[in-house]
Amino acid sequence: MYSDNQQYIISPKGKKTAVVIPLKHYEEMLEDLHDLTIIAERKDEPTISLVELKNRLKKNGLIQD
């Protein structure tokens, strides 16, 4: 998922206190976090069957037979 291209900031006592990662990986992590937030917010919403979804999409002209 993420590469090993990361650097650590070390305290004077030798303890890792922060990490520096490539911006691309940071943005991917933010996107993943956003996706997980949306999933958590919608976990209690009612579900519909695949057939019902297809029917709704057809009715709205978003897919064809």
Protein backbone atom coordinates (compact mmCIF):
# COMPACT_ATOMS: atom_id res chain seq x y z
CA MET A 1 0.00 0.00 0.00
CA TYR A 2 2.56 2.57 1.08
CA SER A 3 6.25 2.43 0.35
CA ASP A 4 9.12 2.40 2.78
CA ASN A 5 10.05 5.92 1.65
CA GLN A 6 9.58 7.53 5.06
CA GLN A 7 11.80 9.32 7.53
CA TYR A 8 11.53 9.60 11.27
CA ILE A 9 12.19 12.58 13.50
CA ILE A 10 14.06 11.37 16.56
CA SER A 11 14.12 13.11 19.95
CA PRO A 12 17.43 13.79 21.70
CA LYS A 13 16.68 10.67 23.77
CA GLY A 14 16.41 8.54 20.61
CA LYS A 15 12.62 8.18 20.63
CA LYS A 16 10.67 8.48 17.36
CA THR A 17 8.45 11.56 17.67
CA ALA A 18 7.22 12.16 14.11
CA VAL A 19 7.33 10.74 10.61
CA VAL A 20 7.88 12.38 7.23
CA ILE A 21 6.16 10.67 4.29
CA PRO A 22 5.84 11.59 0.62
CA LEU A 23 2.98 13.99 -0.08
CA LYS A 24 1.33 11.49 -2.44
CA HIS A 25 1.12 8.91 0.35
CA TYR A 26 -0.26 11.51 2.76
CA GLU A 27 -2.98 12.45 0.27
CA GLU A 28 -3.83 8.75 -0.25
CA MET A 29 -4.14 8.31 3.51
CA LEU A 30 -6.46 11.33 3.74
CA GLU A 31 -8.63 9.91 0.96
CA ASP A 32 -8.79 6.54 2.75
CA LEU A 33 -9.74 8.29 5.99
CA HIS A 34 -12.47 10.23 4.20
CA ASP A 35 -13.84 7.02 2.66
CA LEU A 36 -13.91 5.31 6.05
CA THR A 37 -15.71 8.31 7.55
CA ILE A 38 -18.42 8.12 4.90
CA ILE A 39 -18.79 4.37 5.48
CA ALA A 40 -19.15 4.90 9.24
CA GLU A 41 -21.74 7.64 8.74
CA ARG A 42 -23.82 5.42 6.45
CA LYS A 43 -23.57 2.14 8.35
CA ASP A 44 -27.13 2.35 9.68
CA GLU A 45 -28.77 3.39 6.41
CA PRO A 46 -31.20 0.90 4.89
CA THR A 47 -29.91 -1.21 2.02
CA ILE A 48 -31.49 -2.15 -1.29
CA SER A 49 -30.99 -5.15 -3.54
CA LEU A 50 -28.90 -5.03 -6.69
CA VAL A 51 -32.07 -5.50 -8.74
CA GLU A 52 -33.68 -2.48 -7.05
CA LEU A 53 -30.54 -0.40 -7.65
CA LYS A 54 -30.53 -1.31 -11.34
CA ASN A 55 -34.23 -0.46 -11.61
CA ARG A 56 -33.66 2.96 -10.03
CA LEU A 57 -30.71 3.69 -12.32
CA LYS A 58 -32.73 2.68 -15.37
CA LYS A 59 -35.69 4.80 -14.24
CA ASN A 60 -33.40 7.82 -13.88
CA GLY A 61 -31.83 7.19 -17.31
CA LEU A 62 -28.39 6.51 -15.87
CA ILE A 63 -28.12 3.03 -17.38
CA GLN A 64 -29.84 1.23 -20.23
CA ASP A 65 -31.17 -2.31 -20.51
